Amino acid sequence: MEVFVNRKPVEVAEATTLEELLRSQQIAPEGTAAAVNNRVVPRAAWSATQLEEGAKITVIRAVCGG
């Protein structure tokens, strides 16, 4: 099925969780926030959040520096 990560299409298997998607995209959980269809998903719920066809995932990474 197709989902969108920061507006880019990504193919994933049926019943893929948010945690599995982020791992497959090599996105480390440290310093990362994620939302599915404009709803922030707490990190503790990533493994229980199954994605649906056409889901829009927004990933925000904290960056250190000046």
N, C-alpha and C. Protein backbone atom coordinates (compact mmCIF):
# COMPACT_ATOMS: atom_id res chain seq x y z
N MET A 1 0.85 -1.18 0.00
CA MET A 1 0.00 0.00 0.00
C MET A 1 0.89 1.23 0.00
N GLU A 2 0.32 2.36 -0.34
CA GLU A 2 1.09 3.60 -0.42
C GLU A 2 0.70 4.55 0.70
N VAL A 3 1.72 5.06 1.39
CA VAL A 3 1.54 6.12 2.38
C VAL A 3 2.47 7.26 1.99
N PHE A 4 2.35 8.37 2.66
CA PHE A 4 3.17 9.53 2.34
C PHE A 4 3.94 9.97 3.58
N VAL A 5 5.26 10.06 3.44
CA VAL A 5 6.12 10.51 4.53
C VAL A 5 6.67 11.87 4.12
N ASN A 6 6.26 12.90 4.86
CA ASN A 6 6.64 14.27 4.51
C ASN A 6 6.37 14.54 3.03
N ARG A 7 5.19 14.14 2.58
CA ARG A 7 4.67 14.35 1.22
C ARG A 7 5.30 13.48 0.14
N LYS A 8 6.19 12.57 0.52
CA LYS A 8 6.81 11.68 -0.47
C LYS A 8 6.14 10.31 -0.38
N PRO A 9 5.73 9.73 -1.52
CA PRO A 9 5.09 8.42 -1.49
C PRO A 9 6.08 7.32 -1.10
N VAL A 10 5.60 6.41 -0.26
CA VAL A 10 6.41 5.29 0.20
C VAL A 10 5.52 4.04 0.16
N GLU A 11 6.03 2.96 -0.41
CA GLU A 11 5.30 1.69 -0.45
C GLU A 11 5.63 0.90 0.82
N VAL A 12 4.59 0.42 1.49
CA VAL A 12 4.75 -0.41 2.68
C VAL A 12 3.78 -1.58 2.60
N ALA A 13 4.05 -2.61 3.38
CA ALA A 13 3.16 -3.77 3.43
C ALA A 13 1.89 -3.42 4.22
N GLU A 14 0.84 -4.18 3.97
CA GLU A 14 -0.38 -4.04 4.75
C GLU A 14 -0.05 -4.24 6.23
N ALA A 15 -0.76 -3.57 7.10
CA ALA A 15 -0.62 -3.70 8.56
C ALA A 15 0.74 -3.23 9.08
N THR A 16 1.43 -2.39 8.33
CA THR A 16 2.69 -1.82 8.81
C THR A 16 2.38 -0.81 9.92
N THR A 17 3.20 -0.84 10.96
CA THR A 17 3.02 0.12 12.05
C THR A 17 3.90 1.34 11.80
N LEU A 18 3.60 2.39 12.51
CA LEU A 18 4.40 3.61 12.41
C LEU A 18 5.84 3.32 12.78
N GLU A 19 6.07 2.54 13.81
CA GLU A 19 7.43 2.20 14.23
C GLU A 19 8.18 1.46 13.11
N GLU A 20 7.52 0.50 12.48
CA GLU A 20 8.15 -0.26 11.39
C GLU A 20 8.48 0.65 10.21
N LEU A 21 7.58 1.55 9.89
CA LEU A 21 7.81 2.49 8.79
C LEU A 21 9.03 3.35 9.07
N LEU A 22 9.10 3.93 10.25
CA LEU A 22 10.22 4.81 10.58
C LEU A 22 11.54 4.03 10.58
N ARG A 23 11.51 2.81 11.09
CA ARG A 23 12.72 1.98 11.07
C ARG A 23 13.14 1.68 9.63
N SER A 24 12.18 1.36 8.75
CA SER A 24 12.50 1.05 7.35
C SER A 24 13.05 2.26 6.61
N GLN A 25 12.70 3.46 7.08
CA GLN A 25 13.20 4.69 6.47
C GLN A 25 14.47 5.18 7.16
N GLN A 26 14.98 4.36 8.08
CA GLN A 26 16.20 4.66 8.85
C GLN A 26 16.09 5.98 9.62
N ILE A 27 14.92 6.17 10.24
CA ILE A 27 14.68 7.35 11.06
C ILE A 27 14.76 6.92 12.52
N ALA A 28 15.78 7.40 13.22
CA ALA A 28 15.98 7.05 14.62
C ALA A 28 14.90 7.70 15.49
N PRO A 29 14.43 7.00 16.50
CA PRO A 29 13.38 7.57 17.35
C PRO A 29 13.85 8.72 18.23
N GLU A 30 15.14 8.76 18.55
CA GLU A 30 15.66 9.82 19.41
C GLU A 30 15.52 11.17 18.70
N GLY A 31 14.89 12.11 19.36
CA GLY A 31 14.75 13.45 18.80
C GLY A 31 13.76 13.55 17.66
N THR A 32 12.87 12.56 17.54
CA THR A 32 11.91 12.52 16.45
C THR A 32 10.49 12.61 16.98
N ALA A 33 9.67 13.40 16.32
CA ALA A 33 8.24 13.45 16.59
C ALA A 33 7.53 13.02 15.30
N ALA A 34 6.41 12.32 15.46
CA ALA A 34 5.68 11.85 14.28
C ALA A 34 4.19 12.09 14.45
N ALA A 35 3.55 12.42 13.33
CA ALA A 35 2.11 12.61 13.30
C ALA A 35 1.55 11.80 12.14
N VAL A 36 0.37 11.24 12.33
CA VAL A 36 -0.32 10.51 11.27
C VAL A 36 -1.63 11.25 11.02
N ASN A 37 -1.80 11.69 9.77
CA ASN A 37 -3.00 12.45 9.40
C ASN A 37 -3.24 13.63 10.34
N ASN A 38 -2.17 14.36 10.59
CA ASN A 38 -2.19 15.60 11.40
C ASN A 38 -2.46 15.37 12.88
N ARG A 39 -2.29 14.15 13.37
CA ARG A 39 -2.44 13.86 14.81
C ARG A 39 -1.13 13.32 15.33
N VAL A 40 -0.57 14.02 16.30
CA VAL A 40 0.70 13.59 16.89
C VAL A 40 0.50 12.24 17.57
N VAL A 41 1.44 11.34 17.32
CA VAL A 41 1.39 10.00 17.92
C VAL A 41 2.53 9.92 18.94
N PRO A 42 2.20 9.72 20.23
CA PRO A 42 3.26 9.59 21.23
C PRO A 42 4.17 8.41 20.88
N ARG A 43 5.44 8.54 21.16
CA ARG A 43 6.40 7.48 20.83
C ARG A 43 5.97 6.13 21.42
N ALA A 44 5.40 6.13 22.60
CA ALA A 44 4.96 4.88 23.23
C ALA A 44 3.88 4.17 22.40
N ALA A 45 3.20 4.88 21.53
CA ALA A 45 2.13 4.30 20.73
C ALA A 45 2.56 3.96 19.30
N TRP A 46 3.81 4.24 18.93
CA TRP A 46 4.27 3.98 17.56
C TRP A 46 4.09 2.52 17.17
N SER A 47 4.41 1.60 18.07
CA SER A 47 4.35 0.17 17.73
C SER A 47 2.91 -0.33 17.61
N ALA A 48 1.96 0.39 18.15
CA ALA A 48 0.55 -0.02 18.09
C ALA A 48 -0.24 0.75 17.03
N THR A 49 0.41 1.70 16.36
CA THR A 49 -0.29 2.53 15.38
C THR A 49 -0.12 1.94 13.99
N GLN A 50 -1.17 1.24 13.51
CA GLN A 50 -1.13 0.67 12.18
C GLN A 50 -1.52 1.72 11.16
N LEU A 51 -0.79 1.72 10.06
CA LEU A 51 -1.03 2.69 9.00
C LEU A 51 -2.07 2.17 8.02
N GLU A 52 -2.79 3.09 7.41
CA GLU A 52 -3.80 2.75 6.42
C GLU A 52 -3.39 3.32 5.07
N GLU A 53 -3.93 2.77 4.01
CA GLU A 53 -3.67 3.25 2.66
C GLU A 53 -3.87 4.77 2.61
N GLY A 54 -2.89 5.47 2.05
CA GLY A 54 -2.99 6.92 1.87
C GLY A 54 -2.67 7.75 3.09
N ALA A 55 -2.24 7.10 4.19
CA ALA A 55 -1.93 7.85 5.42
C ALA A 55 -0.85 8.88 5.14
N LYS A 56 -0.98 10.03 5.78
CA LYS A 56 -0.01 11.10 5.64
C LYS A 56 0.77 11.21 6.95
N ILE A 57 2.05 10.85 6.88
CA ILE A 57 2.90 10.85 8.05
C ILE A 57 3.83 12.04 7.99
N THR A 58 3.86 12.82 9.05
CA THR A 58 4.77 13.95 9.15
C THR A 58 5.82 13.60 10.19
N VAL A 59 7.09 13.72 9.80
CA VAL A 59 8.20 13.41 10.70
C VAL A 59 8.99 14.68 10.91
N ILE A 60 9.21 15.01 12.18
CA ILE A 60 9.98 16.21 12.54
C ILE A 60 11.15 15.76 13.40
N ARG A 61 12.34 16.20 13.02
CA ARG A 61 13.55 15.86 13.77
C ARG A 61 14.11 17.09 14.46
N ALA A 62 14.44 16.93 15.74
CA ALA A 62 15.08 18.01 16.48
C ALA A 62 16.53 18.11 16.02
N VAL A 63 17.02 19.32 15.87
CA VAL A 63 18.39 19.55 15.41
C VAL A 63 19.08 20.47 16.40
N CYS A 64 20.30 20.12 16.78
CA CYS A 64 21.08 20.95 17.68
C CYS A 64 22.02 21.82 16.85
N GLY A 65 22.34 22.94 17.35
CA GLY A 65 23.28 23.80 16.64
C GLY A 65 22.91 25.27 16.80
N GLY A 66 23.66 26.09 16.14
CA GLY A 66 23.39 27.51 16.32
C GLY A 66 23.44 28.28 15.08
